[in-house]
PDB file of N, CA and C in Angstrom:
ATOM      1  N   MET A   1     -29.338-140.578  94.879  1.00  0.00           N
ATOM      2  CA  MET A   1     -30.625-141.247  94.929  1.00  0.00           C
ATOM      3  C   MET A   1     -30.463-142.736  94.636  1.00  0.00           C
ATOM      4  N   LEU A   2     -29.751-143.068  93.545  1.00  0.00           N
ATOM      5  CA  LEU A   2     -29.560-144.469  93.199  1.00  0.00           C
ATOM      6  C   LEU A   2     -28.760-145.196  94.267  1.00  0.00           C
ATOM      7  N   SER A   3     -27.763-144.506  94.823  1.00  0.00           N
ATOM      8  CA  SER A   3     -26.963-145.153  95.867  1.00  0.00           C
ATOM      9  C   SER A   3     -27.804-145.378  97.128  1.00  0.00           C
ATOM     10  N   ASP A   4     -28.805-144.539  97.387  1.00  0.00           N
ATOM     11  CA  ASP A   4     -29.696-144.763  98.532  1.00  0.00           C
ATOM     12  C   ASP A   4     -30.510-146.038  98.353  1.00  0.00           C
ATOM     13  N   VAL A   5     -30.980-146.265  97.137  1.00  0.00           N
ATOM     14  CA  VAL A   5     -31.757-147.475  96.848  1.00  0.00           C
ATOM     15  C   VAL A   5     -30.869-148.708  96.958  1.00  0.00           C
ATOM     16  N   VAL A   6     -29.652-148.619  96.420  1.00  0.00           N
ATOM     17  CA  VAL A   6     -28.741-149.763  96.458  1.00  0.00           C
ATOM     18  C   VAL A   6     -28.289-150.057  97.883  1.00  0.00           C
ATOM     19  N   ASN A   7     -28.071-149.013  98.674  1.00  0.00           N
ATOM     20  CA  ASN A   7     -27.618-149.219 100.047  1.00  0.00           C
ATOM     21  C   ASN A   7     -28.724-149.744 100.961  1.00  0.00           C
ATOM     22  N   ASN A   8     -29.985-149.557 100.578  1.00  0.00           N
ATOM     23  CA  ASN A   8     -31.099-150.133 101.326  1.00  0.00           C
ATOM     24  C   ASN A   8     -31.226-151.597 100.892  1.00  0.00           C
ATOM     25  N   SER A   9     -30.615-152.489 101.651  1.00  0.00           N
ATOM     26  CA  SER A   9     -30.483-153.892 101.246  1.00  0.00           C
ATOM     27  C   SER A   9     -31.817-154.564 100.981  1.00  0.00           C
ATOM     28  N   CYS A  10     -32.791-154.313 101.824  1.00  0.00           N
ATOM     29  CA  CYS A  10     -34.081-154.974 101.681  1.00  0.00           C
ATOM     30  C   CYS A  10     -34.791-154.534 100.397  1.00  0.00           C
ATOM     31  N   LEU A  11     -34.811-153.255 100.143  1.00  0.00           N
ATOM     32  CA  LEU A  11     -35.452-152.736  98.934  1.00  0.00           C
ATOM     33  C   LEU A  11     -34.722-153.208  97.683  1.00  0.00           C
ATOM     34  N   PHE A  12     -33.403-153.131  97.709  1.00  0.00           N
ATOM     35  CA  PHE A  12     -32.613-153.541  96.544  1.00  0.00           C
ATOM     36  C   PHE A  12     -32.807-155.022  96.253  1.00  0.00           C
ATOM     37  N   LEU A  13     -32.759-155.846  97.300  1.00  0.00           N
ATOM     38  CA  LEU A  13     -32.938-157.278  97.122  1.00  0.00           C
ATOM     39  C   LEU A  13     -34.339-157.588  96.619  1.00  0.00           C
ATOM     40  N   SER A  14     -35.341-156.912  97.140  1.00  0.00           N
ATOM     41  CA  SER A  14     -36.722-157.142  96.699  1.00  0.00           C
ATOM     42  C   SER A  14     -36.899-156.791  95.230  1.00  0.00           C
ATOM     43  N   VAL A  15     -36.415-155.627  94.842  1.00  0.00           N
ATOM     44  CA  VAL A  15     -36.553-155.205  93.441  1.00  0.00           C
ATOM     45  C   VAL A  15     -35.780-156.140  92.523  1.00  0.00           C
ATOM     46  N   SER A  16     -34.572-156.509  92.914  1.00  0.00           N
ATOM     47  CA  SER A  16     -33.772-157.373  92.047  1.00  0.00           C
ATOM     48  C   SER A  16     -34.399-158.755  91.907  1.00  0.00           C
ATOM     49  N   ILE A  17     -34.969-159.289  92.974  1.00  0.00           N
ATOM     50  CA  ILE A  17     -35.603-160.607  92.872  1.00  0.00           C
ATOM     51  C   ILE A  17     -36.882-160.542  92.052  1.00  0.00           C
ATOM     52  N   ILE A  18     -37.683-159.497  92.227  1.00  0.00           N
ATOM     53  CA  ILE A  18     -38.935-159.371  91.457  1.00  0.00           C
ATOM     54  C   ILE A  18     -38.632-159.236  89.969  1.00  0.00           C
ATOM     55  N   VAL A  19     -37.700-158.372  89.623  1.00  0.00           N
ATOM     56  CA  VAL A  19     -37.357-158.190  88.207  1.00  0.00           C
ATOM     57  C   VAL A  19     -36.728-159.454  87.641  1.00  0.00           C
ATOM     58  N   SER A  20     -35.874-160.106  88.415  1.00  0.00           N
ATOM     59  CA  SER A  20     -35.239-161.337  87.948  1.00  0.00           C
ATOM     60  C   SER A  20     -36.252-162.458  87.762  1.00  0.00           C
ATOM     61  N   LEU A  21     -37.244-162.532  88.644  1.00  0.00           N
ATOM     62  CA  LEU A  21     -38.307-163.526  88.465  1.00  0.00           C
ATOM     63  C   LEU A  21     -39.123-163.244  87.208  1.00  0.00           C
ATOM     64  N   TYR A  22     -39.359-161.967  86.925  1.00  0.00           N
ATOM     65  CA  TYR A  22     -40.049-161.619  85.679  1.00  0.00           C
ATOM     66  C   TYR A  22     -39.257-162.124  84.473  1.00  0.00           C
ATOM     67  N   TYR A  23     -37.938-161.888  84.490  1.00  0.00           N
ATOM     68  CA  TYR A  23     -37.119-162.351  83.364  1.00  0.00           C
ATOM     69  C   TYR A  23     -37.025-163.870  83.328  1.00  0.00           C
ATOM     70  N   ALA A  24     -37.140-164.535  84.480  1.00  0.00           N
ATOM     71  CA  ALA A  24     -37.154-165.995  84.493  1.00  0.00           C
ATOM     72  C   ALA A  24     -38.417-166.523  83.798  1.00  0.00           C
ATOM     73  N   VAL A  25     -39.556-165.923  84.100  1.00  0.00           N
ATOM     74  CA  VAL A  25     -40.802-166.317  83.435  1.00  0.00           C
ATOM     75  C   VAL A  25     -40.718-165.994  81.941  1.00  0.00           C
ATOM     76  N   ARG A  26     -40.142-164.860  81.645  1.00  0.00           N
ATOM     77  CA  ARG A  26     -39.956-164.478  80.239  1.00  0.00           C
ATOM     78  C   ARG A  26     -39.071-165.486  79.508  1.00  0.00           C
ATOM     79  N   GLY A  27     -38.012-165.948  80.171  1.00  0.00           N
ATOM     80  CA  GLY A  27     -37.140-166.951  79.568  1.00  0.00           C
ATOM     81  C   GLY A  27     -37.852-168.270  79.353  1.00  0.00           C
ATOM     82  N   TRP A  28     -38.697-168.647  80.306  1.00  0.00           N
ATOM     83  CA  TRP A  28     -39.484-169.873  80.181  1.00  0.00           C
ATOM     84  C   TRP A  28     -40.392-169.788  78.958  1.00  0.00           C
ATOM     85  N   LEU A  29     -41.086-168.659  78.828  1.00  0.00           N
ATOM     86  CA  LEU A  29     -42.009-168.502  77.705  1.00  0.00           C
ATOM     87  C   LEU A  29     -41.277-168.338  76.375  1.00  0.00           C
ATOM     88  N   TYR A  30     -40.117-167.708  76.400  1.00  0.00           N
ATOM     89  CA  TYR A  30     -39.347-167.560  75.164  1.00  0.00           C
ATOM     90  C   TYR A  30     -38.954-168.923  74.623  1.00  0.00           C
ATOM     91  N   GLU A  31     -38.554-169.823  75.508  1.00  0.00           N
ATOM     92  CA  GLU A  31     -38.197-171.166  75.068  1.00  0.00           C
ATOM     93  C   GLU A  31     -39.421-171.903  74.517  1.00  0.00           C
ATOM     94  N   TYR A  32     -40.598-171.557  75.018  1.00  0.00           N
ATOM     95  CA  TYR A  32     -41.815-172.201  74.536  1.00  0.00           C
ATOM     96  C   TYR A  32     -42.156-171.757  73.112  1.00  0.00           C
ATOM     97  N   TYR A  33     -41.928-170.480  72.803  1.00  0.00           N
ATOM     98  CA  TYR A  33     -42.317-169.937  71.500  1.00  0.00           C
ATOM     99  C   TYR A  33     -41.158-169.756  70.530  1.00  0.00           C
ATOM    100  N   ASP A  34     -39.961-170.222  70.884  1.00  0.00           N
ATOM    101  CA  ASP A  34     -38.797-170.048  70.027  1.00  0.00           C
ATOM    102  C   ASP A  34     -38.964-170.865  68.744  1.00  0.00           C
ATOM    103  N   PRO A  35     -38.836-170.221  67.570  1.00  0.00           N
ATOM    104  CA  PRO A  35     -39.023-170.957  66.311  1.00  0.00           C
ATOM    105  C   PRO A  35     -37.950-172.014  66.068  1.00  0.00           C
ATOM    106  N   TYR A  36     -36.758-171.828  66.600  1.00  0.00           N
ATOM    107  CA  TYR A  36     -35.707-172.820  66.400  1.00  0.00           C
ATOM    108  C   TYR A  36     -36.016-174.108  67.138  1.00  0.00           C
ATOM    109  N   ILE A  37     -36.697-173.993  68.259  1.00  0.00           N
ATOM    110  CA  ILE A  37     -37.078-175.183  69.005  1.00  0.00           C
ATOM    111  C   ILE A  37     -38.230-175.879  68.295  1.00  0.00           C
ATOM    112  N   LYS A  38     -39.081-175.116  67.621  1.00  0.00           N
ATOM    113  CA  LYS A  38     -40.184-175.724  66.877  1.00  0.00           C
ATOM    114  C   LYS A  38     -39.646-176.638  65.778  1.00  0.00           C
ATOM    115  N   LEU A  39     -38.482-176.282  65.206  1.00  0.00           N
ATOM    116  CA  LEU A  39     -37.887-177.143  64.192  1.00  0.00           C
ATOM    117  C   LEU A  39     -37.422-178.464  64.791  1.00  0.00           C
ATOM    118  N   ALA A  40     -37.036-178.441  66.035  1.00  0.00           N
ATOM    119  CA  ALA A  40     -36.574-179.652  66.705  1.00  0.00           C
ATOM    120  C   ALA A  40     -37.738-180.483  67.246  1.00  0.00           C
ATOM    121  N   GLU A  41     -38.952-180.013  67.055  1.00  0.00           N
ATOM    122  CA  GLU A  41     -40.124-180.727  67.573  1.00  0.00           C
ATOM    123  C   GLU A  41     -40.363-182.037  66.828  1.00  0.00           C
ATOM    124  N   ASN A  42     -39.705-182.228  65.703  1.00  0.00           N
ATOM    125  CA  ASN A  42     -39.883-183.467  64.969  1.00  0.00           C
ATOM    126  C   ASN A  42     -39.395-184.665  65.777  1.00  0.00           C
ATOM    127  N   LYS A  43     -38.438-184.424  66.644  1.00  0.00           N
ATOM    128  CA  LYS A  43     -37.943-185.495  67.506  1.00  0.00           C
ATOM    129  C   LYS A  43     -38.999-185.787  68.572  1.00  0.00           C
ATOM    130  N   GLU A  44     -38.994-186.989  69.027  1.00  0.00           N
ATOM    131  CA  GLU A  44     -39.929-187.377  70.075  1.00  0.00           C
ATOM    132  C   GLU A  44     -39.332-187.027  71.434  1.00  0.00           C
ATOM    133  N   TRP A  45     -39.638-185.846  71.924  1.00  0.00           N
ATOM    134  CA  TRP A  45     -39.162-185.404  73.225  1.00  0.00           C
ATOM    135  C   TRP A  45     -40.215-185.750  74.264  1.00  0.00           C
ATOM    136  N   LYS A  46     -39.773-186.257  75.371  1.00  0.00           N
ATOM    137  CA  LYS A  46     -40.691-186.431  76.476  1.00  0.00           C
ATOM    138  C   LYS A  46     -40.948-185.067  77.096  1.00  0.00           C
ATOM    139  N   ARG A  47     -42.092-184.905  77.698  1.00  0.00           N
ATOM    140  CA  ARG A  47     -42.464-183.597  78.255  1.00  0.00           C
ATOM    141  C   ARG A  47     -41.467-183.131  79.317  1.00  0.00           C
ATOM    142  N   TRP A  48     -41.029-184.009  80.196  1.00  0.00           N
ATOM    143  CA  TRP A  48     -40.118-183.579  81.245  1.00  0.00           C
ATOM    144  C   TRP A  48     -38.738-183.260  80.684  1.00  0.00           C
ATOM    145  N   HIS A  49     -38.366-183.873  79.547  1.00  0.00           N
ATOM    146  CA  HIS A  49     -37.105-183.508  78.890  1.00  0.00           C
ATOM    147  C   HIS A  49     -37.163-182.069  78.397  1.00  0.00           C
ATOM    148  N   LYS A  50     -38.287-181.716  77.766  1.00  0.00           N
ATOM    149  CA  LYS A  50     -38.442-180.339  77.295  1.00  0.00           C
ATOM    150  C   LYS A  50     -38.436-179.359  78.455  1.00  0.00           C
ATOM    151  N   LEU A  51     -39.130-179.718  79.519  1.00  0.00           N
ATOM    152  CA  LEU A  51     -39.187-178.829  80.674  1.00  0.00           C
ATOM    153  C   LEU A  51     -37.807-178.639  81.292  1.00  0.00           C
ATOM    154  N   ALA A  52     -37.091-179.728  81.490  1.00  0.00           N
ATOM    155  CA  ALA A  52     -35.790-179.648  82.160  1.00  0.00           C
ATOM    156  C   ALA A  52     -34.718-179.060  81.260  1.00  0.00           C
ATOM    157  N   LEU A  53     -34.697-179.448  80.002  1.00  0.00           N
ATOM    158  CA  LEU A  53     -33.618-179.031  79.119  1.00  0.00           C
ATOM    159  C   LEU A  53     -33.814-177.651  78.511  1.00  0.00           C
ATOM    160  N   LEU A  54     -35.027-177.293  78.238  1.00  0.00           N
ATOM    161  CA  LEU A  54     -35.264-176.025  77.546  1.00  0.00           C
ATOM    162  C   LEU A  54     -35.824-174.957  78.464  1.00  0.00           C
ATOM    163  N   HIS A  55     -36.978-175.210  79.017  1.00  0.00           N
ATOM    164  CA  HIS A  55     -37.679-174.173  79.778  1.00  0.00           C
ATOM    165  C   HIS A  55     -36.972-173.822  81.075  1.00  0.00           C
ATOM    166  N   LEU A  56     -36.575-174.821  81.845  1.00  0.00           N
ATOM    167  CA  LEU A  56     -35.900-174.555  83.108  1.00  0.00           C
ATOM    168  C   LEU A  56     -34.550-173.876  82.868  1.00  0.00           C
ATOM    169  N   HIS A  57     -33.853-174.328  81.847  1.00  0.00           N
ATOM    170  CA  HIS A  57     -32.568-173.710  81.516  1.00  0.00           C
ATOM    171  C   HIS A  57     -32.742-172.242  81.154  1.00  0.00           C
ATOM    172  N   GLY A  58     -33.723-171.942  80.328  1.00  0.00           N
ATOM    173  CA  GLY A  58     -33.970-170.550  79.950  1.00  0.00           C
ATOM    174  C   GLY A  58     -34.354-169.688  81.132  1.00  0.00           C
ATOM    175  N   SER A  59     -35.146-170.244  82.036  1.00  0.00           N
ATOM    176  CA  SER A  59     -35.552-169.490  83.227  1.00  0.00           C
ATOM    177  C   SER A  59     -34.369-169.190  84.130  1.00  0.00           C
ATOM    178  N   ILE A  60     -33.580-170.199  84.414  1.00  0.00           N
ATOM    179  CA  ILE A  60     -32.424-169.994  85.297  1.00  0.00           C
ATOM    180  C   ILE A  60     -31.417-169.053  84.654  1.00  0.00           C
ATOM    181  N   TYR A  61     -31.195-169.199  83.373  1.00  0.00           N
ATOM    182  CA  TYR A  61     -30.245-168.354  82.641  1.00  0.00           C
ATOM    183  C   TYR A  61     -30.669-166.881  82.701  1.00  0.00           C
ATOM    184  N   ASN A  62     -31.935-166.619  82.489  1.00  0.00           N
ATOM    185  CA  ASN A  62     -32.429-165.245  82.546  1.00  0.00           C
ATOM    186  C   ASN A  62     -32.420-164.706  83.968  1.00  0.00           C
ATOM    187  N   PHE A  63     -32.776-165.526  84.951  1.00  0.00           N
ATOM    188  CA  PHE A  63     -32.771-165.091  86.342  1.00  0.00           C
ATOM    189  C   PHE A  63     -31.355-164.717  86.786  1.00  0.00           C
ATOM    190  N   VAL A  64     -30.404-165.573  86.514  1.00  0.00           N
ATOM    191  CA  VAL A  64     -29.022-165.315  86.923  1.00  0.00           C
ATOM    192  C   VAL A  64     -28.457-164.094  86.197  1.00  0.00           C
ATOM    193  N   SER A  65     -28.780-163.934  84.934  1.00  0.00           N
ATOM    194  CA  SER A  65     -28.297-162.777  84.186  1.00  0.00           C
ATOM    195  C   SER A  65     -28.859-161.468  84.735  1.00  0.00           C
ATOM    196  N   ALA A  66     -30.125-161.460  85.098  1.00  0.00           N
ATOM    197  CA  ALA A  66     -30.713-160.250  85.674  1.00  0.00           C
ATOM    198  C   ALA A  66     -30.111-159.950  87.040  1.00  0.00           C
ATOM    199  N   MET A  67     -29.910-160.984  87.855  1.00  0.00           N
ATOM    200  CA  MET A  67     -29.274-160.770  89.161  1.00  0.00           C
ATOM    201  C   MET A  67     -27.842-160.270  88.994  1.00  0.00           C
ATOM    202  N   ALA A  68     -27.149-160.774  87.989  1.00  0.00           N
ATOM    203  CA  ALA A  68     -25.791-160.300  87.718  1.00  0.00           C
ATOM    204  C   ALA A  68     -25.799-158.823  87.358  1.00  0.00           C
ATOM    205  N   GLY A  69     -26.809-158.394  86.615  1.00  0.00           N
ATOM    206  CA  GLY A  69     -26.928-156.976  86.287  1.00  0.00           C
ATOM    207  C   GLY A  69     -27.136-156.118  87.522  1.00  0.00           C
ATOM    208  N   PHE A  70     -28.005-156.569  88.418  1.00  0.00           N
ATOM    209  CA  PHE A  70     -28.245-155.804  89.643  1.00  0.00           C
ATOM    210  C   PHE A  70     -27.003-155.744  90.528  1.00  0.00           C
ATOM    211  N   TYR A  71     -26.300-156.846  90.635  1.00  0.00           N
ATOM    212  CA  TYR A  71     -25.128-156.827  91.497  1.00  0.00           C
ATOM    213  C   TYR A  71     -23.932-156.155  90.839  1.00  0.00           C
ATOM    214  N   ALA A  72     -23.895-156.094  89.523  1.00  0.00           N
ATOM    215  CA  ALA A  72     -22.885-155.268  88.848  1.00  0.00           C
ATOM    216  C   ALA A  72     -23.139-153.796  89.157  1.00  0.00           C
ATOM    217  N   LEU A  73     -24.405-153.398  89.173  1.00  0.00           N
ATOM    218  CA  LEU A  73     -24.760-152.022  89.546  1.00  0.00           C
ATOM    219  C   LEU A  73     -24.342-151.727  90.982  1.00  0.00           C
ATOM    220  N   LYS A  74     -24.604-152.667  91.876  1.00  0.00           N
ATOM    221  CA  LYS A  74     -24.252-152.482  93.277  1.00  0.00           C
ATOM    222  C   LYS A  74     -22.735-152.380  93.462  1.00  0.00           C
ATOM    223  N   LEU A  75     -21.994-153.249  92.789  1.00  0.00           N
ATOM    224  CA  LEU A  75     -20.534-153.217  92.875  1.00  0.00           C
ATOM    225  C   LEU A  75     -19.974-151.930  92.283  1.00  0.00           C
ATOM    226  N   MET A  76     -20.536-151.503  91.167  1.00  0.00           N
ATOM    227  CA  MET A  76     -20.086-150.263  90.532  1.00  0.00           C
ATOM    228  C   MET A  76     -20.284-149.075  91.468  1.00  0.00           C
ATOM    229  N   LEU A  77     -21.440-148.986  92.095  1.00  0.00           N
ATOM    230  CA  LEU A  77     -21.699-147.867  93.005  1.00  0.00           C
ATOM    231  C   LEU A  77     -20.809-147.918  94.244  1.00  0.00           C
ATOM    232  N   ARG A  78     -20.546-149.113  94.741  1.00  0.00           N
ATOM    233  CA  ARG A  78     -19.624-149.216  95.885  1.00  0.00           C
ATOM    234  C   ARG A  78     -18.209-148.789  95.512  1.00  0.00           C
ATOM    235  N   ILE A  79     -17.771-149.148  94.332  1.00  0.00           N
ATOM    236  CA  ILE A  79     -16.434-148.728  93.882  1.00  0.00           C
ATOM    237  C   ILE A  79     -16.396-147.216  93.704  1.00  0.00           C
ATOM    238  N   LEU A  80     -17.443-146.664  93.091  1.00  0.00           N
ATOM    239  CA  LEU A  80     -17.476-145.212  92.895  1.00  0.00           C
ATOM    240  C   LEU A  80     -17.511-144.460  94.220  1.00  0.00           C
ATOM    241  N   GLU A  81     -18.217-144.990  95.214  1.00  0.00           N
ATOM    242  CA  GLU A  81     -18.260-144.332  96.521  1.00  0.00           C
ATOM    243  C   GLU A  81     -16.924-144.409  97.251  1.00  0.00           C
ATOM    244  N   SER A  82     -16.124-145.420  96.942  1.00  0.00           N
ATOM    245  CA  SER A  82     -14.841-145.574  97.636  1.00  0.00           C
ATOM    246  C   SER A  82     -13.723-144.741  97.007  1.00  0.00           C
ATOM    247  N   ILE A  83     -13.961-144.183  95.834  1.00  0.00           N
ATOM    248  CA  ILE A  83     -12.938-143.379  95.159  1.00  0.00           C
ATOM    249  C   ILE A  83     -13.060-141.935  95.651  1.00  0.00           C
ATOM    250  N   PRO A  84     -12.002-141.399  96.279  1.00  0.00           N
ATOM    251  CA  PRO A  84     -12.099-140.036  96.815  1.00  0.00           C
ATOM    252  C   PRO A  84     -12.115-138.963  95.722  1.00  0.00           C
ATOM    253  N   ASN A  85     -11.362-139.183  94.644  1.00  0.00           N
ATOM    254  CA  ASN A  85     -11.283-138.189  93.583  1.00  0.00           C
ATOM    255  C   ASN A  85     -11.416-138.914  92.243  1.00  0.00           C
ATOM    256  N   LEU A  86     -12.520-138.679  91.539  1.00  0.00           N
ATOM    257  CA  LEU A  86     -12.754-139.385  90.278  1.00  0.00           C
ATOM    258  C   LEU A  86     -11.756-138.999  89.184  1.00  0.00           C
ATOM    259  N   ALA A  87     -11.113-137.855  89.340  1.00  0.00           N
ATOM    260  CA  ALA A  87     -10.133-137.435  88.341  1.00  0.00           C
ATOM    261  C   ALA A  87      -8.850-138.254  88.422  1.00  0.00           C
ATOM    262  N   ASP A  88      -8.634-138.945  89.528  1.00  0.00           N
ATOM    263  CA  ASP A  88      -7.391-139.685  89.730  1.00  0.00           C
ATOM    264  C   ASP A  88      -7.540-141.197  89.570  1.00  0.00           C
ATOM    265  N   ILE A  89      -8.594-141.678  88.926  1.00  0.00           N
ATOM    266  CA  ILE A  89      -8.726-143.121  88.776  1.00  0.00           C
ATOM    267  C   ILE A  89      -7.841-143.598  87.638  1.00  0.00           C
ATOM    268  N   GLY A  90      -7.393-144.833  87.753  1.00  0.00           N
ATOM    269  CA  GLY A  90      -6.530-145.404  86.733  1.00  0.00           C
ATOM    270  C   GLY A  90      -7.317-145.926  85.552  1.00  0.00           C
ATOM    271  N   VAL A  91      -6.571-146.298  84.519  1.00  0.00           N
ATOM    272  CA  VAL A  91      -7.197-146.809  83.298  1.00  0.00           C
ATOM    273  C   VAL A  91      -7.888-148.142  83.578  1.00  0.00           C
ATOM    274  N   GLY A  92      -7.259-148.979  84.377  1.00  0.00           N
ATOM    275  CA  GLY A  92      -7.860-150.278  84.699  1.00  0.00           C
ATOM    276  C   GLY A  92      -9.163-150.133  85.461  1.00  0.00           C
ATOM    277  N   THR A  93      -9.191-149.209  86.409  1.00  0.00           N
ATOM    278  CA  THR A  93     -10.420-148.974  87.174  1.00  0.00           C
ATOM    279  C   THR A  93     -11.512-148.428  86.272  1.00  0.00           C
ATOM    280  N   ALA A  94     -11.144-147.521  85.389  1.00  0.00           N
ATOM    281  CA  ALA A  94     -12.130-146.952  84.461  1.00  0.00           C
ATOM    282  C   ALA A  94     -12.674-148.022  83.515  1.00  0.00           C
ATOM    283  N   ALA A  95     -11.801-148.902  83.045  1.00  0.00           N
ATOM    284  CA  ALA A  95     -12.248-149.981  82.155  1.00  0.00           C
ATOM    285  C   ALA A  95     -13.170-150.944  82.901  1.00  0.00           C
ATOM    286  N   PHE A  96     -12.820-151.268  84.150  1.00  0.00           N
ATOM    287  CA  PHE A  96     -13.659-152.166  84.936  1.00  0.00           C
ATOM    288  C   PHE A  96     -15.011-151.541  85.238  1.00  0.00           C
ATOM    289  N   LEU A  97     -15.029-150.250  85.545  1.00  0.00           N
ATOM    290  CA  LEU A  97     -16.303-149.561  85.780  1.00  0.00           C
ATOM    291  C   LEU A  97     -17.145-149.526  84.510  1.00  0.00           C
ATOM    292  N   SER A  98     -16.507-149.344  83.366  1.00  0.00           N
ATOM    293  CA  SER A  98     -17.234-149.366  82.094  1.00  0.00           C
ATOM    294  C   SER A  98     -17.844-150.741  81.843  1.00  0.00           C
ATOM    295  N   PHE A  99     -17.075-151.774  82.144  1.00  0.00           N
ATOM    296  CA  PHE A  99     -17.585-153.136  82.009  1.00  0.00           C
ATOM    297  C   PHE A  99     -18.781-153.367  82.934  1.00  0.00           C
ATOM    298  N   LEU A 100     -18.683-152.886  84.167  1.00  0.00           N
ATOM    299  CA  LEU A 100     -19.791-153.045  85.110  1.00  0.00           C
ATOM    300  C   LEU A 100     -21.035-152.289  84.659  1.00  0.00           C
ATOM    301  N   VAL A 101     -20.847-151.104  84.076  1.00  0.00           N
ATOM    302  CA  VAL A 101     -21.987-150.349  83.536  1.00  0.00           C
ATOM    303  C   VAL A 101     -22.662-151.152  82.430  1.00  0.00           C
ATOM    304  N   LEU A 102     -21.863-151.734  81.542  1.00  0.00           N
ATOM    305  CA  LEU A 102     -22.408-152.533  80.440  1.00  0.00           C
ATOM    306  C   LEU A 102     -23.176-153.742  80.972  1.00  0.00           C
ATOM    307  N   VAL A 103     -22.589-154.471  81.914  1.00  0.00           N
ATOM    308  CA  VAL A 103     -23.260-155.646  82.482  1.00  0.00           C
ATOM    309  C   VAL A 103     -24.537-155.230  83.218  1.00  0.00           C
ATOM    310  N   ALA A 104     -24.481-154.118  83.948  1.00  0.00           N
ATOM    311  CA  ALA A 104     -25.660-153.657  84.686  1.00  0.00           C
ATOM    312  C   ALA A 104     -26.796-153.283  83.734  1.00  0.00           C
ATOM    313  N   ILE A 105     -26.489-152.529  82.703  1.00  0.00           N
ATOM    314  CA  ILE A 105     -27.542-152.115  81.761  1.00  0.00           C
ATOM    315  C   ILE A 105     -28.113-153.313  81.017  1.00  0.00           C
ATOM    316  N   LEU A 106     -27.250-154.173  80.498  1.00  0.00           N
ATOM    317  CA  LEU A 106     -27.731-155.336  79.752  1.00  0.00           C
ATOM    318  C   LEU A 106     -28.458-156.328  80.657  1.00  0.00           C
ATOM    319  N   GLY A 107     -27.977-156.498  81.884  1.00  0.00           N
ATOM    320  CA  GLY A 107     -28.611-157.449  82.796  1.00  0.00           C
ATOM    321  C   GLY A 107     -29.965-156.983  83.286  1.00  0.00           C
ATOM    322  N   ILE A 108     -30.042-155.729  83.717  1.00  0.00           N
ATOM    323  CA  ILE A 108     -31.298-155.220  84.250  1.00  0.00           C
ATOM    324  C   ILE A 108     -32.348-155.072  83.154  1.00  0.00           C
ATOM    325  N   SER A 109     -31.921-154.789  81.939  1.00  0.00           N
ATOM    326  CA  SER A 109     -32.883-154.642  80.845  1.00  0.00           C
ATOM    327  C   SER A 109     -33.286-155.980  80.235  1.00  0.00           C
ATOM    328  N   GLY A 110     -32.632-157.071  80.634  1.00  0.00           N
ATOM    329  CA  GLY A 110     -33.004-158.390  80.139  1.00  0.00           C
ATOM    330  C   GLY A 110     -32.341-158.788  78.843  1.00  0.00           C
ATOM    331  N   VAL A 111     -31.363-158.031  78.387  1.00  0.00           N
ATOM    332  CA  VAL A 111     -30.699-158.304  77.121  1.00  0.00           C
ATOM    333  C   VAL A 111     -29.442-159.156  77.308  1.00  0.00           C
ATOM    334  N   LEU A 112     -28.923-159.222  78.518  1.00  0.00           N
ATOM    335  CA  LEU A 112     -27.667-159.943  78.774  1.00  0.00           C
ATOM    336  C   LEU A 112     -27.705-161.409  78.357  1.00  0.00           C
ATOM    337  N   PRO A 113     -28.779-162.162  78.601  1.00  0.00           N
ATOM    338  CA  PRO A 113     -28.767-163.565  78.162  1.00  0.00           C
ATOM    339  C   PRO A 113     -28.613-163.708  76.651  1.00  0.00           C
ATOM    340  N   ARG A 114     -29.330-162.912  75.906  1.00  0.00           N
ATOM    341  CA  ARG A 114     -29.220-162.969  74.443  1.00  0.00           C
ATOM    342  C   ARG A 114     -27.848-162.500  73.982  1.00  0.00           C
ATOM    343  N   PHE A 115     -27.321-161.466  74.638  1.00  0.00           N
ATOM    344  CA  PHE A 115     -26.006-160.944  74.288  1.00  0.00           C
ATOM    345  C   PHE A 115     -24.924-161.999  74.524  1.00  0.00           C
ATOM    346  N   LEU A 116     -25.016-162.718  75.622  1.00  0.00           N
ATOM    347  CA  LEU A 116     -24.026-163.756  75.915  1.00  0.00           C
ATOM    348  C   LEU A 116     -24.212-164.987  75.040  1.00  0.00           C
ATOM    349  N   TRP A 117     -25.459-165.330  74.757  1.00  0.00           N
ATOM    350  CA  TRP A 117     -25.733-166.545  74.018  1.00  0.00           C
ATOM    351  C   TRP A 117     -25.497-166.372  72.525  1.00  0.00           C
ATOM    352  N   LYS A 118     -26.028-165.308  71.954  1.00  0.00           N
ATOM    353  CA  LYS A 118     -25.924-165.109  70.512  1.00  0.00           C
ATOM    354  C   LYS A 118     -24.909-164.049  70.131  1.00  0.00           C
ATOM    355  N   GLY A 119     -24.427-163.298  71.096  1.00  0.00           N
ATOM    356  CA  GLY A 119     -23.477-162.229  70.778  1.00  0.00           C
ATOM    357  C   GLY A 119     -24.125-161.104  70.005  1.00  0.00           C
ATOM    358  N   ALA A 120     -25.417-160.903  70.217  1.00  0.00           N
ATOM    359  CA  ALA A 120     -26.134-159.899  69.456  1.00  0.00           C
ATOM    360  C   ALA A 120     -27.053-159.112  70.380  1.00  0.00           C
ATOM    361  N   LEU A 121     -27.291-157.879  70.005  1.00  0.00           N
ATOM    362  CA  LEU A 121     -28.262-157.073  70.710  1.00  0.00           C
ATOM    363  C   LEU A 121     -29.626-157.283  70.076  1.00  0.00           C
ATOM    364  N   ILE A 122     -30.657-156.742  70.675  1.00  0.00           N
ATOM    365  CA  ILE A 122     -32.035-157.032  70.278  1.00  0.00           C
ATOM    366  C   ILE A 122     -32.320-156.695  68.803  1.00  0.00           C
ATOM    367  N   GLY A 123     -31.888-155.569  68.327  1.00  0.00           N
ATOM    368  CA  GLY A 123     -32.247-155.153  66.976  1.00  0.00           C
ATOM    369  C   GLY A 123     -31.455-155.826  65.874  1.00  0.00           C
ATOM    370  N   SER A 124     -30.412-156.541  66.203  1.00  0.00           N
ATOM    371  CA  SER A 124     -29.541-157.098  65.173  1.00  0.00           C
ATOM    372  C   SER A 124     -29.966-158.508  64.810  1.00  0.00           C
ATOM    373  N   LYS A 125     -29.542-158.950  63.650  1.00  0.00           N
ATOM    374  CA  LYS A 125     -29.830-160.302  63.198  1.00  0.00           C
ATOM    375  C   LYS A 125     -28.812-161.237  63.827  1.00  0.00           C
ATOM    376  N   GLY A 126     -29.277-162.222  64.544  1.00  0.00           N
ATOM    377  CA  GLY A 126     -28.309-163.140  65.149  1.00  0.00           C
ATOM    378  C   GLY A 126     -28.935-164.192  65.996  1.00  0.00           C
TER     379      GLY A 126
END
């Protein structure tokens, strides 16, 4: 079922762009309400500096991370479909597939940007 969705290029691309745009807006708003940025508000920032340096960066970072998650899922499924016997895969292939699963889950769920930036998952202090 999942491979049918991934192999349907139009549907997969549409879903990945819609979800990635959601995370881009989420990144924009996160930068707006981030308490660490509020501490830096004492400096005289011009409005376009804040937009370009903080909000746009957060949006692009979240968008690219979500797209990376979707394409990690697509690559993982293509690799799995090309393996004739799953019992005969090597350690390197298994490790790479595990890495792709991690990137896909973290990217699609929107946690990958925070994981890469702070090295922490949602529930942890970091």
